[in-house]
C-alpha cells in the first residue's frame, strides 16, 4: 500500500472552526519542537495507545523520517504556531496485512469539542481509501471516552480487548481496545460537493457534505 496517494484537497487547508482559524497540512521536517511540545501537554491516557513516545525529540525525528520515506502519512492541525492535533495512518507492513491501515488521532485538550478530531479523521480516511486499504483499525484505552464515541459514531466497531496491555504512570496497567472498520460492510458515502469519500457525511441545506465543504457551506449560509 502506498501512503503517497494524491489527496483531493489542497494543503495547507484553512478552516474556521467555531471562530478559531485552523490550518491543516502534512507533517514537515521543521515540526519537531512543536510536535514535542504538543505531546508533552497531552494527558497520560492519550499517550498510551501510541506506537512511539512522541514526547521525546528523537522519536519525533524518527516519525518525521518515516513519513518522508512513505512508511506512514501524517496530517497536522495548527492554530498559529501551536499544534492542535494530528492524524496518522500507517499501512500494514507484512504481506498478509497489506490491506489493513491503522489510524491514530490525538487532539490537544484546549481544542476538543470544535470538530478537529473529526476533520482529521475524515481527511486521513480519504487518504487511506486512496491508498487501497479495505480494513482500518484504531487502538485506544476505555478511558478515552471522547475518542471512543467519535470512532464508534463513524462506524468503527470493537473487535478485541487486550487486557492490561498498556503500562501507564506508576506501573498502572490499562486495557487496550482494538476497533475496526471494514469498508465492504459500509455503504460508500461521498461529499456531494467535492466527491471525496467520507466516513459519515454531514447534512446542511439539503446536501450531504464532507467536513470542509460543510464549513464552507455553513459560512455561506451565514453560520457563526
N, C-alpha and C. Protein backbone atom coordinates (compact mmCIF):
# COMPACT_ATOMS: atom_id res chain seq x y z
N UNK A 1 0.84 -1.18 0.00
CA UNK A 1 0.00 0.00 0.00
C UNK A 1 0.88 1.24 0.00
N UNK A 2 0.57 2.17 -0.86
CA UNK A 2 1.39 3.37 -0.99
C UNK A 2 0.78 4.51 -0.19
N UNK A 3 1.52 5.05 0.78
CA UNK A 3 0.98 6.16 1.58
C UNK A 3 1.04 7.48 0.83
N UNK A 4 1.75 7.53 -0.29
CA UNK A 4 1.89 8.78 -1.01
C UNK A 4 0.81 8.95 -2.07
N UNK A 5 -0.43 8.63 -1.70
CA UNK A 5 -1.54 8.82 -2.62
C UNK A 5 -1.85 10.32 -2.72
N UNK A 6 -2.41 10.73 -3.84
CA UNK A 6 -2.70 12.14 -4.04
C UNK A 6 -4.01 12.50 -3.33
N UNK A 7 -3.95 13.50 -2.45
CA UNK A 7 -5.16 13.96 -1.79
C UNK A 7 -5.98 14.80 -2.76
N UNK A 8 -7.30 14.76 -2.61
CA UNK A 8 -8.18 15.58 -3.43
C UNK A 8 -8.29 16.99 -2.86
N UNK A 9 -7.64 17.24 -1.72
CA UNK A 9 -7.64 18.56 -1.12
C UNK A 9 -6.29 19.23 -1.36
N UNK A 10 -6.31 20.56 -1.38
CA UNK A 10 -5.07 21.32 -1.46
C UNK A 10 -4.62 21.69 -0.05
N UNK A 11 -3.35 21.43 0.24
CA UNK A 11 -2.78 21.80 1.52
C UNK A 11 -1.75 22.91 1.31
N UNK A 12 -1.63 23.82 2.29
CA UNK A 12 -2.34 23.86 3.55
C UNK A 12 -3.82 24.20 3.37
N UNK A 13 -4.67 23.60 4.19
CA UNK A 13 -6.11 23.82 4.18
C UNK A 13 -6.46 24.72 5.36
N UNK A 14 -7.16 25.81 5.10
CA UNK A 14 -7.53 26.76 6.15
C UNK A 14 -9.03 26.69 6.40
N UNK A 15 -9.41 26.50 7.67
CA UNK A 15 -10.82 26.39 8.03
C UNK A 15 -11.12 27.24 9.26
N UNK A 16 -12.39 27.65 9.37
CA UNK A 16 -12.86 28.35 10.55
C UNK A 16 -13.74 27.40 11.34
N UNK A 17 -13.24 26.93 12.49
CA UNK A 17 -13.98 26.01 13.33
C UNK A 17 -14.37 26.71 14.62
N UNK A 18 -15.66 27.02 14.75
CA UNK A 18 -16.17 27.70 15.94
C UNK A 18 -15.34 28.94 16.28
N UNK A 19 -15.17 29.77 15.25
CA UNK A 19 -14.48 31.05 15.37
C UNK A 19 -12.99 30.92 15.65
N UNK A 20 -12.43 29.76 15.39
CA UNK A 20 -10.98 29.57 15.50
C UNK A 20 -10.44 29.20 14.13
N UNK A 21 -9.38 29.86 13.71
CA UNK A 21 -8.79 29.60 12.40
C UNK A 21 -7.79 28.45 12.52
N UNK A 22 -8.07 27.38 11.81
CA UNK A 22 -7.27 26.16 11.87
C UNK A 22 -6.67 25.90 10.50
N UNK A 23 -5.39 25.58 10.48
CA UNK A 23 -4.70 25.23 9.24
C UNK A 23 -4.25 23.78 9.33
N UNK A 24 -4.58 22.99 8.32
CA UNK A 24 -4.19 21.58 8.27
C UNK A 24 -3.21 21.38 7.13
N UNK A 25 -2.11 20.70 7.42
CA UNK A 25 -1.11 20.41 6.38
C UNK A 25 -0.35 19.15 6.77
N UNK A 26 0.37 18.54 5.83
CA UNK A 26 1.17 17.36 6.17
C UNK A 26 2.30 17.69 7.14
N UNK A 27 2.72 16.70 7.90
CA UNK A 27 3.87 16.82 8.78
C UNK A 27 5.10 17.20 7.96
N UNK A 28 5.92 18.10 8.51
CA UNK A 28 7.08 18.61 7.77
C UNK A 28 8.35 18.48 8.61
N UNK A 29 9.48 18.61 7.95
CA UNK A 29 10.78 18.41 8.58
C UNK A 29 11.00 19.31 9.79
N UNK A 30 10.54 20.56 9.73
CA UNK A 30 10.80 21.51 10.81
C UNK A 30 9.80 21.48 11.96
N UNK A 31 8.98 20.44 12.04
CA UNK A 31 7.90 20.42 13.03
C UNK A 31 8.28 19.79 14.36
N UNK A 32 9.52 19.34 14.53
CA UNK A 32 9.87 18.55 15.70
C UNK A 32 9.53 19.25 17.02
N UNK A 33 10.01 20.47 17.22
CA UNK A 33 9.82 21.14 18.50
C UNK A 33 8.34 21.35 18.82
N UNK A 34 7.56 21.72 17.81
CA UNK A 34 6.14 21.93 18.03
C UNK A 34 5.41 20.62 18.35
N UNK A 35 5.79 19.54 17.69
CA UNK A 35 5.15 18.25 17.95
C UNK A 35 5.50 17.73 19.34
N UNK A 36 6.74 17.94 19.77
CA UNK A 36 7.16 17.51 21.12
C UNK A 36 6.39 18.31 22.17
N UNK A 37 6.26 19.61 21.97
CA UNK A 37 5.51 20.45 22.91
C UNK A 37 4.05 20.01 22.99
N UNK A 38 3.47 19.70 21.85
CA UNK A 38 2.09 19.21 21.81
C UNK A 38 1.97 17.90 22.60
N UNK A 39 2.87 16.96 22.35
CA UNK A 39 2.81 15.66 23.01
C UNK A 39 3.00 15.77 24.51
N UNK A 40 3.91 16.63 24.93
CA UNK A 40 4.19 16.77 26.36
C UNK A 40 3.02 17.39 27.12
N UNK A 41 2.12 18.06 26.40
CA UNK A 41 0.94 18.65 27.04
C UNK A 41 -0.25 17.70 27.06
N UNK A 42 -0.16 16.56 26.38
CA UNK A 42 -1.27 15.61 26.36
C UNK A 42 -1.40 14.91 27.71
N UNK A 43 -2.61 14.42 27.99
CA UNK A 43 -2.83 13.61 29.17
C UNK A 43 -2.13 12.26 29.00
N UNK A 44 -1.77 11.65 30.11
CA UNK A 44 -1.09 10.36 30.06
C UNK A 44 -1.90 9.32 29.28
N UNK A 45 -3.22 9.30 29.48
CA UNK A 45 -4.06 8.32 28.79
C UNK A 45 -3.99 8.48 27.28
N UNK A 46 -3.78 9.71 26.80
CA UNK A 46 -3.72 9.95 25.36
C UNK A 46 -2.45 9.40 24.73
N UNK A 47 -1.44 9.14 25.54
CA UNK A 47 -0.17 8.64 25.03
C UNK A 47 -0.07 7.12 25.04
N UNK A 48 -0.98 6.46 25.75
CA UNK A 48 -0.84 5.02 25.99
C UNK A 48 -0.95 4.18 24.73
N UNK A 49 -1.80 4.60 23.77
CA UNK A 49 -2.05 3.78 22.59
C UNK A 49 -1.07 4.06 21.46
N UNK A 50 -0.20 5.06 21.62
CA UNK A 50 0.70 5.43 20.53
C UNK A 50 1.82 4.41 20.37
N UNK A 51 2.31 4.28 19.15
CA UNK A 51 3.34 3.30 18.84
C UNK A 51 4.74 3.75 19.25
N UNK A 52 4.90 5.05 19.51
CA UNK A 52 6.21 5.57 19.94
C UNK A 52 5.97 6.70 20.93
N UNK A 53 7.00 6.98 21.73
CA UNK A 53 6.92 8.03 22.74
C UNK A 53 7.25 9.36 22.09
N UNK A 54 6.22 10.07 21.63
CA UNK A 54 6.44 11.30 20.88
C UNK A 54 6.69 12.49 21.79
N UNK A 55 6.85 12.25 23.10
CA UNK A 55 7.32 13.33 23.97
C UNK A 55 8.83 13.48 23.88
N UNK A 56 9.49 12.52 23.19
CA UNK A 56 10.95 12.53 23.06
C UNK A 56 11.35 13.01 21.66
N UNK A 57 12.23 14.02 21.57
CA UNK A 57 12.62 14.57 20.27
C UNK A 57 13.15 13.51 19.29
N UNK A 58 13.93 12.55 19.77
CA UNK A 58 14.49 11.52 18.87
C UNK A 58 13.38 10.69 18.25
N UNK A 59 12.31 10.41 19.02
CA UNK A 59 11.20 9.62 18.49
C UNK A 59 10.42 10.42 17.44
N UNK A 60 10.30 11.73 17.67
CA UNK A 60 9.62 12.57 16.68
C UNK A 60 10.45 12.67 15.40
N UNK A 61 11.78 12.73 15.54
CA UNK A 61 12.64 12.71 14.36
C UNK A 61 12.42 11.43 13.55
N UNK A 62 12.32 10.30 14.24
CA UNK A 62 12.08 9.02 13.56
C UNK A 62 10.71 9.01 12.89
N UNK A 63 9.74 9.59 13.55
CA UNK A 63 8.38 9.70 12.99
C UNK A 63 8.40 10.51 11.70
N UNK A 64 9.05 11.67 11.74
CA UNK A 64 9.12 12.52 10.55
C UNK A 64 9.86 11.80 9.42
N UNK A 65 10.94 11.08 9.76
CA UNK A 65 11.69 10.33 8.74
C UNK A 65 10.81 9.25 8.10
N UNK A 66 10.04 8.53 8.92
CA UNK A 66 9.13 7.51 8.38
C UNK A 66 8.10 8.13 7.46
N UNK A 67 7.61 9.31 7.83
CA UNK A 67 6.62 10.00 7.00
C UNK A 67 7.24 10.39 5.65
N UNK A 68 8.42 10.98 5.69
CA UNK A 68 9.07 11.42 4.46
C UNK A 68 9.42 10.25 3.53
N UNK A 69 9.68 9.08 4.14
CA UNK A 69 10.04 7.90 3.35
C UNK A 69 8.82 7.09 2.93
N UNK A 70 7.62 7.58 3.27
CA UNK A 70 6.40 6.93 2.80
C UNK A 70 5.96 5.73 3.60
N UNK A 71 6.51 5.51 4.79
CA UNK A 71 6.08 4.37 5.62
C UNK A 71 4.76 4.65 6.32
N UNK A 72 4.42 5.92 6.45
CA UNK A 72 3.16 6.35 7.04
C UNK A 72 2.86 7.74 6.52
N UNK A 73 1.71 8.29 6.87
CA UNK A 73 1.35 9.64 6.45
C UNK A 73 0.66 10.35 7.60
N UNK A 74 1.03 11.62 7.82
CA UNK A 74 0.50 12.37 8.95
C UNK A 74 0.01 13.74 8.51
N UNK A 75 -1.17 14.13 8.99
CA UNK A 75 -1.69 15.48 8.81
C UNK A 75 -1.73 16.16 10.17
N UNK A 76 -1.35 17.43 10.21
CA UNK A 76 -1.27 18.17 11.48
C UNK A 76 -2.16 19.41 11.39
N UNK A 77 -2.93 19.65 12.47
CA UNK A 77 -3.78 20.84 12.57
C UNK A 77 -3.08 21.87 13.43
N UNK A 78 -3.05 23.11 12.94
CA UNK A 78 -2.33 24.19 13.61
C UNK A 78 -3.26 25.36 13.88
N UNK A 79 -2.97 26.09 14.97
CA UNK A 79 -3.55 27.40 15.21
C UNK A 79 -2.37 28.32 15.49
N UNK A 80 -2.07 29.19 14.54
CA UNK A 80 -0.83 29.97 14.59
C UNK A 80 0.35 28.99 14.64
N UNK A 81 1.20 29.07 15.67
CA UNK A 81 2.36 28.17 15.76
C UNK A 81 2.13 26.99 16.70
N UNK A 82 0.91 26.80 17.15
CA UNK A 82 0.61 25.72 18.10
C UNK A 82 -0.07 24.56 17.39
N UNK A 83 0.37 23.34 17.71
CA UNK A 83 -0.27 22.14 17.17
C UNK A 83 -1.53 21.85 17.97
N UNK A 84 -2.65 21.72 17.27
CA UNK A 84 -3.92 21.40 17.92
C UNK A 84 -4.23 19.92 17.87
N UNK A 85 -3.65 19.22 16.92
CA UNK A 85 -3.92 17.79 16.80
C UNK A 85 -3.29 17.22 15.54
N UNK A 86 -3.34 15.92 15.43
CA UNK A 86 -2.80 15.28 14.23
C UNK A 86 -3.53 13.96 13.99
N UNK A 87 -3.45 13.49 12.77
CA UNK A 87 -3.94 12.15 12.41
C UNK A 87 -2.86 11.47 11.58
N UNK A 88 -2.56 10.24 11.94
CA UNK A 88 -1.58 9.43 11.21
C UNK A 88 -2.23 8.15 10.74
N UNK A 89 -1.93 7.73 9.53
CA UNK A 89 -2.31 6.37 9.14
C UNK A 89 -1.06 5.63 8.70
N UNK A 90 -1.02 4.38 9.09
CA UNK A 90 0.15 3.54 8.81
C UNK A 90 -0.33 2.21 8.24
N UNK A 91 0.09 1.87 7.03
CA UNK A 91 -0.33 0.61 6.42
C UNK A 91 0.38 -0.58 7.04
N UNK A 92 -0.27 -1.75 6.97
CA UNK A 92 0.37 -2.97 7.43
C UNK A 92 1.61 -3.26 6.60
N UNK A 93 2.69 -3.66 7.25
CA UNK A 93 3.96 -3.87 6.54
C UNK A 93 4.15 -5.32 6.11
N UNK A 94 3.46 -6.24 6.78
CA UNK A 94 3.58 -7.64 6.39
C UNK A 94 2.71 -7.90 5.16
N UNK A 95 3.08 -8.90 4.36
CA UNK A 95 2.34 -9.19 3.13
C UNK A 95 0.88 -9.50 3.40
N UNK A 96 0.61 -10.18 4.53
CA UNK A 96 -0.76 -10.60 4.81
C UNK A 96 -1.59 -9.50 5.49
N UNK A 97 -0.97 -8.35 5.79
CA UNK A 97 -1.74 -7.23 6.34
C UNK A 97 -1.65 -6.00 5.45
N UNK A 98 -1.30 -6.19 4.19
CA UNK A 98 -1.13 -5.03 3.31
C UNK A 98 -2.45 -4.34 2.99
N UNK A 99 -3.59 -4.99 3.28
CA UNK A 99 -4.90 -4.37 3.05
C UNK A 99 -5.40 -3.61 4.28
N UNK A 100 -4.62 -3.62 5.37
CA UNK A 100 -5.02 -3.02 6.63
C UNK A 100 -4.22 -1.74 6.88
N UNK A 101 -4.89 -0.72 7.42
CA UNK A 101 -4.20 0.51 7.83
C UNK A 101 -4.65 0.85 9.24
N UNK A 102 -3.74 1.38 10.04
CA UNK A 102 -4.07 1.82 11.39
C UNK A 102 -4.15 3.33 11.43
N UNK A 103 -5.23 3.84 12.04
CA UNK A 103 -5.42 5.27 12.20
C UNK A 103 -5.11 5.66 13.64
N UNK A 104 -4.38 6.75 13.81
CA UNK A 104 -4.12 7.29 15.14
C UNK A 104 -4.43 8.78 15.11
N UNK A 105 -5.23 9.23 16.05
CA UNK A 105 -5.64 10.63 16.11
C UNK A 105 -5.46 11.13 17.53
N UNK A 106 -4.88 12.31 17.69
CA UNK A 106 -4.73 12.93 19.00
C UNK A 106 -5.05 14.42 18.87
N UNK A 107 -5.76 14.95 19.86
CA UNK A 107 -6.17 16.35 19.85
C UNK A 107 -5.84 16.98 21.20
N UNK A 108 -5.31 18.19 21.17
CA UNK A 108 -4.99 18.92 22.40
C UNK A 108 -6.26 19.17 23.21
N UNK A 109 -6.12 19.13 24.52
CA UNK A 109 -7.28 19.38 25.39
C UNK A 109 -7.96 20.71 25.06
N UNK A 110 -7.18 21.73 24.76
CA UNK A 110 -7.73 23.06 24.51
C UNK A 110 -8.51 23.14 23.20
N UNK A 111 -8.41 22.10 22.36
CA UNK A 111 -9.06 22.14 21.04
C UNK A 111 -10.17 21.11 20.91
N UNK A 112 -10.53 20.45 21.98
CA UNK A 112 -11.56 19.44 21.89
C UNK A 112 -12.95 20.07 21.88
N UNK A 113 -13.83 19.47 21.10
CA UNK A 113 -15.19 19.97 21.02
C UNK A 113 -15.44 20.95 19.89
N UNK A 114 -14.43 21.22 19.06
CA UNK A 114 -14.65 22.16 17.95
C UNK A 114 -14.60 21.44 16.59
N UNK A 115 -14.44 20.13 16.61
CA UNK A 115 -14.52 19.37 15.36
C UNK A 115 -13.19 19.01 14.73
N UNK A 116 -12.07 19.27 15.40
CA UNK A 116 -10.77 18.97 14.81
C UNK A 116 -10.55 17.46 14.69
N UNK A 117 -10.92 16.71 15.72
CA UNK A 117 -10.74 15.26 15.66
C UNK A 117 -11.47 14.64 14.49
N UNK A 118 -12.71 15.04 14.30
CA UNK A 118 -13.49 14.51 13.19
C UNK A 118 -12.89 14.92 11.85
N UNK A 119 -12.49 16.19 11.74
CA UNK A 119 -11.90 16.67 10.48
C UNK A 119 -10.65 15.88 10.13
N UNK A 120 -9.75 15.70 11.09
CA UNK A 120 -8.51 14.97 10.83
C UNK A 120 -8.81 13.52 10.48
N UNK A 121 -9.77 12.91 11.19
CA UNK A 121 -10.15 11.53 10.90
C UNK A 121 -10.66 11.40 9.47
N UNK A 122 -11.50 12.33 9.07
CA UNK A 122 -12.09 12.28 7.74
C UNK A 122 -11.01 12.41 6.65
N UNK A 123 -10.10 13.35 6.85
CA UNK A 123 -9.03 13.55 5.87
C UNK A 123 -8.12 12.33 5.79
N UNK A 124 -7.79 11.76 6.95
CA UNK A 124 -6.95 10.55 6.96
C UNK A 124 -7.68 9.38 6.32
N UNK A 125 -8.99 9.29 6.57
CA UNK A 125 -9.80 8.22 5.99
C UNK A 125 -9.77 8.29 4.47
N UNK A 126 -9.90 9.50 3.94
CA UNK A 126 -9.83 9.69 2.49
C UNK A 126 -8.50 9.17 1.94
N UNK A 127 -7.40 9.50 2.63
CA UNK A 127 -6.08 9.08 2.18
C UNK A 127 -5.91 7.56 2.28
N UNK A 128 -6.47 6.97 3.32
CA UNK A 128 -6.40 5.52 3.50
C UNK A 128 -7.10 4.81 2.34
N UNK A 129 -8.30 5.27 2.00
CA UNK A 129 -9.03 4.64 0.90
C UNK A 129 -8.29 4.80 -0.43
N UNK A 130 -7.72 5.99 -0.65
CA UNK A 130 -6.95 6.22 -1.87
C UNK A 130 -5.75 5.28 -1.95
N UNK A 131 -5.21 4.92 -0.77
CA UNK A 131 -4.04 4.04 -0.74
C UNK A 131 -4.42 2.57 -0.91
N UNK A 132 -5.72 2.26 -0.90
CA UNK A 132 -6.17 0.90 -1.19
C UNK A 132 -6.51 0.03 0.00
N UNK A 133 -6.59 0.60 1.20
CA UNK A 133 -6.93 -0.20 2.38
C UNK A 133 -8.40 -0.60 2.34
N UNK A 134 -8.70 -1.82 2.80
CA UNK A 134 -10.09 -2.28 2.91
C UNK A 134 -10.49 -2.52 4.36
N UNK A 135 -9.53 -2.47 5.26
CA UNK A 135 -9.82 -2.55 6.69
C UNK A 135 -8.99 -1.50 7.40
N UNK A 136 -9.62 -0.80 8.35
CA UNK A 136 -8.95 0.24 9.11
C UNK A 136 -9.12 -0.08 10.58
N UNK A 137 -8.04 0.02 11.34
CA UNK A 137 -8.13 -0.25 12.78
C UNK A 137 -7.69 0.97 13.57
N UNK A 138 -8.13 1.02 14.81
CA UNK A 138 -7.71 2.08 15.74
C UNK A 138 -7.59 1.45 17.12
N UNK A 139 -6.67 1.96 17.91
CA UNK A 139 -6.47 1.45 19.26
C UNK A 139 -6.61 2.59 20.25
N UNK A 140 -7.21 2.29 21.39
CA UNK A 140 -7.36 3.28 22.46
C UNK A 140 -7.71 2.57 23.76
N UNK A 141 -7.58 3.27 24.87
CA UNK A 141 -7.97 2.71 26.15
C UNK A 141 -9.45 3.03 26.40
N UNK A 142 -10.13 2.25 27.24
CA UNK A 142 -11.53 2.55 27.55
C UNK A 142 -11.71 3.92 28.19
N UNK A 143 -10.65 4.45 28.82
CA UNK A 143 -10.74 5.76 29.47
C UNK A 143 -10.84 6.90 28.46
N UNK A 144 -10.45 6.66 27.23
CA UNK A 144 -10.51 7.71 26.20
C UNK A 144 -11.92 7.76 25.62
N UNK A 145 -12.86 8.16 26.46
CA UNK A 145 -14.28 8.06 26.11
C UNK A 145 -14.64 8.94 24.92
N UNK A 146 -14.04 10.14 24.83
CA UNK A 146 -14.35 11.02 23.71
C UNK A 146 -13.94 10.42 22.38
N UNK A 147 -12.72 9.91 22.31
CA UNK A 147 -12.24 9.28 21.08
C UNK A 147 -13.05 8.03 20.76
N UNK A 148 -13.39 7.27 21.79
CA UNK A 148 -14.16 6.05 21.59
C UNK A 148 -15.53 6.37 20.99
N UNK A 149 -16.20 7.39 21.51
CA UNK A 149 -17.51 7.79 20.97
C UNK A 149 -17.37 8.25 19.53
N UNK A 150 -16.33 9.02 19.24
CA UNK A 150 -16.14 9.53 17.87
C UNK A 150 -15.97 8.39 16.89
N UNK A 151 -15.07 7.44 17.18
CA UNK A 151 -14.82 6.34 16.26
C UNK A 151 -16.07 5.48 16.09
N UNK A 152 -16.76 5.19 17.18
CA UNK A 152 -17.95 4.34 17.08
C UNK A 152 -19.06 5.05 16.31
N UNK A 153 -19.21 6.35 16.50
CA UNK A 153 -20.22 7.09 15.77
C UNK A 153 -19.96 7.08 14.28
N UNK A 154 -18.69 6.96 13.90
CA UNK A 154 -18.33 6.95 12.49
C UNK A 154 -18.29 5.55 11.89
N UNK A 155 -18.71 4.54 12.67
CA UNK A 155 -18.87 3.20 12.11
C UNK A 155 -17.84 2.18 12.54
N UNK A 156 -16.88 2.55 13.37
CA UNK A 156 -15.91 1.58 13.88
C UNK A 156 -16.56 0.71 14.95
N UNK A 157 -16.21 -0.56 14.97
CA UNK A 157 -16.75 -1.49 15.95
C UNK A 157 -15.62 -2.15 16.73
N UNK A 158 -15.89 -2.41 18.00
CA UNK A 158 -14.87 -3.05 18.84
C UNK A 158 -14.64 -4.49 18.40
N UNK A 159 -13.37 -4.84 18.19
CA UNK A 159 -13.03 -6.18 17.74
C UNK A 159 -12.27 -6.98 18.79
N UNK A 160 -11.57 -6.30 19.69
CA UNK A 160 -10.78 -7.02 20.68
C UNK A 160 -10.50 -6.14 21.89
N UNK A 161 -10.27 -6.79 23.02
CA UNK A 161 -9.81 -6.12 24.23
C UNK A 161 -8.52 -6.80 24.67
N UNK A 162 -7.44 -6.05 24.72
CA UNK A 162 -6.15 -6.59 25.18
C UNK A 162 -6.00 -6.20 26.65
N UNK A 163 -6.15 -7.16 27.54
CA UNK A 163 -6.18 -6.88 28.97
C UNK A 163 -4.79 -6.47 29.48
N UNK A 164 -4.78 -5.40 30.29
CA UNK A 164 -3.54 -4.92 30.94
C UNK A 164 -2.42 -4.74 29.92
N UNK A 165 -2.74 -4.22 28.76
CA UNK A 165 -1.79 -4.17 27.65
C UNK A 165 -0.95 -2.89 27.64
N UNK A 166 -1.48 -1.83 28.24
CA UNK A 166 -0.77 -0.54 28.25
C UNK A 166 -0.31 -0.22 29.66
N UNK A 167 0.97 0.13 29.79
CA UNK A 167 1.55 0.43 31.10
C UNK A 167 1.68 1.93 31.27
N UNK A 168 0.99 2.47 32.29
CA UNK A 168 0.98 3.90 32.50
C UNK A 168 1.88 4.33 33.63
N UNK A 169 1.62 5.53 34.13
CA UNK A 169 2.41 6.11 35.20
C UNK A 169 2.27 5.26 36.47
N UNK A 170 3.40 5.07 37.18
CA UNK A 170 3.37 4.33 38.43
C UNK A 170 3.12 2.84 38.27
N UNK A 171 3.29 2.33 37.05
CA UNK A 171 3.12 0.90 36.82
C UNK A 171 1.68 0.46 36.70
N UNK A 172 0.74 1.42 36.61
CA UNK A 172 -0.67 1.07 36.48
C UNK A 172 -0.95 0.60 35.05
N UNK A 173 -1.59 -0.56 34.92
CA UNK A 173 -1.89 -1.10 33.60
C UNK A 173 -3.31 -0.72 33.16
N UNK A 174 -3.48 -0.66 31.85
CA UNK A 174 -4.78 -0.32 31.25
C UNK A 174 -5.10 -1.33 30.16
N UNK A 175 -6.39 -1.60 29.99
CA UNK A 175 -6.82 -2.40 28.85
C UNK A 175 -6.66 -1.57 27.58
N UNK A 176 -6.47 -2.25 26.46
CA UNK A 176 -6.38 -1.58 25.17
C UNK A 176 -7.47 -2.14 24.26
N UNK A 177 -8.29 -1.26 23.70
CA UNK A 177 -9.35 -1.66 22.79
C UNK A 177 -8.86 -1.58 21.35
N UNK A 178 -9.23 -2.57 20.55
CA UNK A 178 -8.95 -2.54 19.11
C UNK A 178 -10.28 -2.41 18.39
N UNK A 179 -10.44 -1.32 17.64
CA UNK A 179 -11.66 -1.08 16.86
C UNK A 179 -11.35 -1.28 15.39
N UNK A 180 -12.35 -1.75 14.64
CA UNK A 180 -12.15 -1.99 13.22
C UNK A 180 -13.25 -1.40 12.37
N UNK A 181 -12.90 -1.03 11.15
CA UNK A 181 -13.85 -0.53 10.15
C UNK A 181 -13.58 -1.29 8.86
N UNK A 182 -14.55 -2.10 8.42
CA UNK A 182 -14.42 -2.88 7.18
C UNK A 182 -15.18 -2.15 6.08
N UNK A 183 -14.49 -1.69 5.07
CA UNK A 183 -15.14 -0.88 4.04
C UNK A 183 -16.24 -1.65 3.32
N UNK A 184 -16.08 -2.96 3.17
CA UNK A 184 -17.08 -3.74 2.44
C UNK A 184 -18.41 -3.81 3.19
N UNK A 185 -18.40 -3.53 4.49
CA UNK A 185 -19.59 -3.63 5.32
C UNK A 185 -20.33 -2.30 5.43
N UNK A 186 -19.81 -1.26 4.78
CA UNK A 186 -20.43 0.06 4.88
C UNK A 186 -20.69 0.61 3.49
N UNK A 187 -21.89 1.12 3.31
CA UNK A 187 -22.21 1.76 2.04
C UNK A 187 -21.34 3.00 1.86
N UNK A 188 -20.74 3.12 0.70
CA UNK A 188 -19.84 4.25 0.46
C UNK A 188 -20.60 5.57 0.50
N UNK A 189 -20.06 6.54 1.22
CA UNK A 189 -20.61 7.88 1.26
C UNK A 189 -19.62 8.84 0.65
N UNK A 190 -20.11 9.75 -0.16
CA UNK A 190 -19.25 10.75 -0.79
C UNK A 190 -19.85 12.14 -0.60
N UNK A 191 -18.98 13.12 -0.49
CA UNK A 191 -19.41 14.50 -0.40
C UNK A 191 -20.09 14.91 -1.71
N UNK A 192 -21.25 15.53 -1.62
CA UNK A 192 -21.99 15.91 -2.82
C UNK A 192 -21.40 17.13 -3.51
N UNK A 193 -20.48 17.84 -2.84
CA UNK A 193 -19.85 18.99 -3.47
C UNK A 193 -18.53 18.62 -4.13
N UNK A 194 -17.61 17.98 -3.38
CA UNK A 194 -16.27 17.72 -3.93
C UNK A 194 -16.06 16.26 -4.32
N UNK A 195 -16.95 15.37 -3.88
CA UNK A 195 -16.89 13.97 -4.32
C UNK A 195 -15.97 13.06 -3.55
N UNK A 196 -15.33 13.55 -2.47
CA UNK A 196 -14.41 12.68 -1.74
C UNK A 196 -15.19 11.68 -0.89
N UNK A 197 -14.61 10.50 -0.61
CA UNK A 197 -15.26 9.55 0.29
C UNK A 197 -15.17 10.04 1.72
N UNK A 198 -16.23 9.84 2.49
CA UNK A 198 -16.26 10.28 3.88
C UNK A 198 -16.76 9.13 4.75
N UNK A 199 -16.36 9.18 6.02
CA UNK A 199 -16.86 8.19 6.97
C UNK A 199 -18.35 8.39 7.23
N UNK A 200 -18.74 9.63 7.43
CA UNK A 200 -20.15 9.96 7.67
C UNK A 200 -20.38 11.38 7.18
N UNK A 201 -21.23 11.52 6.16
CA UNK A 201 -21.48 12.84 5.59
C UNK A 201 -22.26 13.70 6.57
N UNK A 202 -22.00 15.02 6.51
CA UNK A 202 -22.72 15.99 7.33
C UNK A 202 -23.78 16.66 6.47
N UNK A 203 -24.94 16.89 7.04
CA UNK A 203 -26.07 17.44 6.27
C UNK A 203 -26.24 18.92 6.55
N UNK A 204 -26.31 19.73 5.48
CA UNK A 204 -26.61 21.15 5.60
C UNK A 204 -27.28 21.61 4.31
N UNK A 205 -28.35 22.36 4.46
CA UNK A 205 -29.07 22.92 3.30
C UNK A 205 -29.47 21.83 2.31
N UNK A 206 -29.80 20.64 2.83
CA UNK A 206 -30.26 19.54 1.99
C UNK A 206 -29.16 18.76 1.30
N UNK A 207 -27.90 19.10 1.55
CA UNK A 207 -26.78 18.40 0.91
C UNK A 207 -26.01 17.59 1.94
N UNK A 208 -25.38 16.49 1.48
CA UNK A 208 -24.56 15.63 2.33
C UNK A 208 -23.10 15.92 1.98
N UNK A 209 -22.33 16.44 2.96
CA UNK A 209 -21.03 17.01 2.66
C UNK A 209 -19.94 16.48 3.57
N UNK A 210 -18.67 16.65 3.11
CA UNK A 210 -17.51 16.40 3.96
C UNK A 210 -17.35 17.57 4.93
N UNK A 211 -16.47 17.44 5.89
CA UNK A 211 -16.30 18.50 6.90
C UNK A 211 -15.90 19.83 6.28
N UNK A 212 -14.97 19.80 5.31
CA UNK A 212 -14.51 21.06 4.72
C UNK A 212 -15.63 21.75 3.96
N UNK A 213 -16.34 21.01 3.12
CA UNK A 213 -17.43 21.62 2.34
C UNK A 213 -18.58 22.03 3.24
N UNK A 214 -18.79 21.29 4.33
CA UNK A 214 -19.81 21.66 5.31
C UNK A 214 -19.50 23.03 5.91
N UNK A 215 -18.23 23.24 6.32
CA UNK A 215 -17.85 24.51 6.92
C UNK A 215 -18.01 25.65 5.91
N UNK A 216 -17.60 25.41 4.66
CA UNK A 216 -17.73 26.45 3.64
C UNK A 216 -19.19 26.79 3.38
N UNK A 217 -20.04 25.75 3.27
CA UNK A 217 -21.46 25.99 3.03
C UNK A 217 -22.11 26.69 4.23
N UNK A 218 -21.69 26.29 5.42
CA UNK A 218 -22.23 26.88 6.64
C UNK A 218 -21.91 28.36 6.71
N UNK A 219 -20.67 28.73 6.33
CA UNK A 219 -20.30 30.13 6.33
C UNK A 219 -21.09 30.91 5.27
N UNK A 220 -21.30 30.30 4.11
CA UNK A 220 -22.05 30.94 3.05
C UNK A 220 -23.48 31.22 3.46
N UNK A 221 -24.02 30.33 4.30
CA UNK A 221 -25.40 30.49 4.76
C UNK A 221 -25.51 31.42 5.95
N UNK A 222 -24.36 32.00 6.37
CA UNK A 222 -24.38 32.96 7.46
C UNK A 222 -24.19 32.35 8.82
N UNK A 223 -23.63 31.13 8.88
CA UNK A 223 -23.38 30.49 10.17
C UNK A 223 -22.29 31.21 10.93
N UNK A 224 -22.29 31.03 12.27
CA UNK A 224 -21.28 31.69 13.09
C UNK A 224 -20.03 30.88 13.14
